[in-house]
């Protein structure tokens, strides 16, 4: 059971934020937008890591 995010929400991760926006606050638009931002950041990080790994070969 989750007890909350503590410290006024300063420790909330993006995945918890998305979950709460979608299920607790029924704010589907915010949840989808945050999910797409997370996807874009993940893709950018992966692309950077793959380029870095390719440059070292």
N, C-alpha and C. Protein backbone atom coordinates (compact mmCIF):
# COMPACT_ATOMS: atom_id res chain seq x y z
N UNK A 1 0.84 -1.17 0.00
CA UNK A 1 0.00 0.00 0.00
C UNK A 1 0.88 1.24 0.00
N UNK A 2 0.56 2.17 -0.86
CA UNK A 2 1.32 3.41 -0.92
C UNK A 2 0.84 4.37 0.15
N UNK A 3 1.77 5.09 0.76
CA UNK A 3 1.41 6.00 1.84
C UNK A 3 1.41 7.45 1.40
N UNK A 4 1.67 7.72 0.16
CA UNK A 4 1.74 9.10 -0.33
C UNK A 4 3.12 9.41 -0.84
N UNK A 5 3.28 10.61 -1.34
CA UNK A 5 4.56 10.97 -1.94
C UNK A 5 5.47 11.73 -1.00
N UNK A 6 4.96 12.24 0.08
CA UNK A 6 5.78 12.92 1.07
C UNK A 6 6.37 14.23 0.58
N UNK A 7 6.76 15.06 1.49
CA UNK A 7 7.44 16.34 1.24
C UNK A 7 6.70 17.21 0.22
N UNK A 8 5.39 17.24 0.32
CA UNK A 8 4.59 18.10 -0.56
C UNK A 8 4.62 17.69 -2.02
N UNK A 9 4.89 16.43 -2.29
CA UNK A 9 4.92 15.95 -3.67
C UNK A 9 6.27 16.07 -4.34
N UNK A 10 7.28 16.52 -3.60
CA UNK A 10 8.60 16.71 -4.20
C UNK A 10 9.30 15.40 -4.53
N UNK A 11 8.84 14.29 -3.96
CA UNK A 11 9.46 13.00 -4.23
C UNK A 11 8.66 12.15 -5.20
N UNK A 12 7.70 12.74 -5.87
CA UNK A 12 6.87 12.01 -6.82
C UNK A 12 7.65 11.73 -8.10
N UNK A 13 7.69 10.47 -8.51
CA UNK A 13 8.35 10.12 -9.76
C UNK A 13 7.36 10.33 -10.91
N UNK A 14 7.87 10.33 -12.13
CA UNK A 14 7.01 10.57 -13.28
C UNK A 14 5.99 9.45 -13.43
N UNK A 15 6.37 8.21 -13.13
CA UNK A 15 5.43 7.11 -13.26
C UNK A 15 4.30 7.21 -12.24
N UNK A 16 4.61 7.62 -11.02
CA UNK A 16 3.57 7.82 -10.00
C UNK A 16 2.68 8.99 -10.39
N UNK A 17 3.28 10.05 -10.94
CA UNK A 17 2.50 11.20 -11.40
C UNK A 17 1.50 10.78 -12.48
N UNK A 18 1.95 9.98 -13.44
CA UNK A 18 1.07 9.52 -14.51
C UNK A 18 -0.05 8.66 -13.95
N UNK A 19 0.29 7.75 -13.05
CA UNK A 19 -0.72 6.88 -12.43
C UNK A 19 -1.78 7.70 -11.70
N UNK A 20 -1.33 8.64 -10.88
CA UNK A 20 -2.28 9.45 -10.11
C UNK A 20 -3.12 10.34 -11.00
N UNK A 21 -2.52 10.90 -12.05
CA UNK A 21 -3.29 11.75 -12.96
C UNK A 21 -4.39 10.94 -13.64
N UNK A 22 -4.07 9.73 -14.04
CA UNK A 22 -5.03 8.91 -14.78
C UNK A 22 -6.10 8.30 -13.87
N UNK A 23 -5.67 7.63 -12.81
CA UNK A 23 -6.61 6.87 -12.00
C UNK A 23 -7.23 7.65 -10.84
N UNK A 24 -6.46 8.49 -10.17
CA UNK A 24 -7.01 9.20 -9.02
C UNK A 24 -7.72 10.49 -9.40
N UNK A 25 -7.15 11.23 -10.36
CA UNK A 25 -7.71 12.53 -10.72
C UNK A 25 -8.54 12.49 -12.00
N UNK A 26 -8.55 11.34 -12.65
CA UNK A 26 -9.31 11.15 -13.89
C UNK A 26 -8.96 12.21 -14.93
N UNK A 27 -7.70 12.59 -14.98
CA UNK A 27 -7.21 13.60 -15.92
C UNK A 27 -6.42 12.88 -17.01
N UNK A 28 -7.16 12.34 -17.96
CA UNK A 28 -6.58 11.48 -18.98
C UNK A 28 -5.62 12.26 -19.88
N UNK A 29 -5.96 13.48 -20.22
CA UNK A 29 -5.11 14.28 -21.10
C UNK A 29 -3.73 14.53 -20.52
N UNK A 30 -3.68 14.88 -19.24
CA UNK A 30 -2.40 15.12 -18.57
C UNK A 30 -1.60 13.82 -18.50
N UNK A 31 -2.26 12.72 -18.20
CA UNK A 31 -1.58 11.44 -18.10
C UNK A 31 -0.99 11.02 -19.45
N UNK A 32 -1.75 11.20 -20.51
CA UNK A 32 -1.25 10.84 -21.84
C UNK A 32 -0.10 11.75 -22.25
N UNK A 33 -0.23 13.05 -21.99
CA UNK A 33 0.84 13.99 -22.34
C UNK A 33 2.13 13.66 -21.58
N UNK A 34 2.01 13.37 -20.29
CA UNK A 34 3.19 13.01 -19.50
C UNK A 34 3.79 11.70 -19.99
N UNK A 35 2.95 10.76 -20.39
CA UNK A 35 3.44 9.49 -20.91
C UNK A 35 4.21 9.68 -22.21
N UNK A 36 3.71 10.55 -23.08
CA UNK A 36 4.41 10.81 -24.34
C UNK A 36 5.73 11.53 -24.11
N UNK A 37 5.76 12.43 -23.14
CA UNK A 37 7.02 13.10 -22.80
C UNK A 37 8.02 12.10 -22.25
N UNK A 38 7.56 11.20 -21.39
CA UNK A 38 8.44 10.15 -20.86
C UNK A 38 8.96 9.26 -21.97
N UNK A 39 8.10 8.91 -22.92
CA UNK A 39 8.51 8.09 -24.05
C UNK A 39 9.57 8.81 -24.89
N UNK A 40 9.35 10.09 -25.16
CA UNK A 40 10.32 10.86 -25.96
C UNK A 40 11.66 10.98 -25.25
N UNK A 41 11.64 11.22 -23.94
CA UNK A 41 12.89 11.31 -23.18
C UNK A 41 13.62 9.97 -23.14
N UNK A 42 12.87 8.89 -23.00
CA UNK A 42 13.47 7.56 -23.00
C UNK A 42 14.11 7.25 -24.35
N UNK A 43 13.40 7.59 -25.42
CA UNK A 43 13.93 7.36 -26.77
C UNK A 43 15.18 8.19 -27.01
N UNK A 44 15.18 9.44 -26.56
CA UNK A 44 16.35 10.30 -26.73
C UNK A 44 17.55 9.77 -25.95
N UNK A 45 17.31 9.30 -24.74
CA UNK A 45 18.39 8.74 -23.93
C UNK A 45 18.95 7.47 -24.57
N UNK A 46 18.07 6.62 -25.06
CA UNK A 46 18.50 5.39 -25.72
C UNK A 46 19.31 5.69 -26.98
N UNK A 47 18.85 6.64 -27.76
CA UNK A 47 19.56 7.02 -28.98
C UNK A 47 20.96 7.54 -28.64
N UNK A 48 21.04 8.37 -27.62
CA UNK A 48 22.34 8.89 -27.20
C UNK A 48 23.28 7.81 -26.72
N UNK A 49 22.76 6.87 -25.95
CA UNK A 49 23.59 5.77 -25.46
C UNK A 49 24.06 4.87 -26.60
N UNK A 50 23.19 4.60 -27.56
CA UNK A 50 23.59 3.77 -28.69
C UNK A 50 24.64 4.46 -29.55
N UNK A 51 24.53 5.77 -29.73
CA UNK A 51 25.54 6.51 -30.48
C UNK A 51 26.87 6.52 -29.74
N UNK A 52 26.81 6.68 -28.43
CA UNK A 52 28.02 6.68 -27.63
C UNK A 52 28.69 5.32 -27.67
N UNK A 53 27.90 4.27 -27.58
CA UNK A 53 28.46 2.91 -27.64
C UNK A 53 29.04 2.63 -29.02
N UNK A 54 28.40 3.14 -30.07
CA UNK A 54 28.91 2.95 -31.42
C UNK A 54 30.19 3.71 -31.68
N UNK A 55 30.35 4.86 -31.05
CA UNK A 55 31.55 5.67 -31.22
C UNK A 55 32.75 5.04 -30.54
N UNK A 56 32.53 4.23 -29.54
CA UNK A 56 33.62 3.59 -28.80
C UNK A 56 34.14 2.34 -29.48
N UNK A 57 33.43 1.82 -30.46
CA UNK A 57 33.87 0.58 -31.13
C UNK A 57 34.96 0.83 -32.10
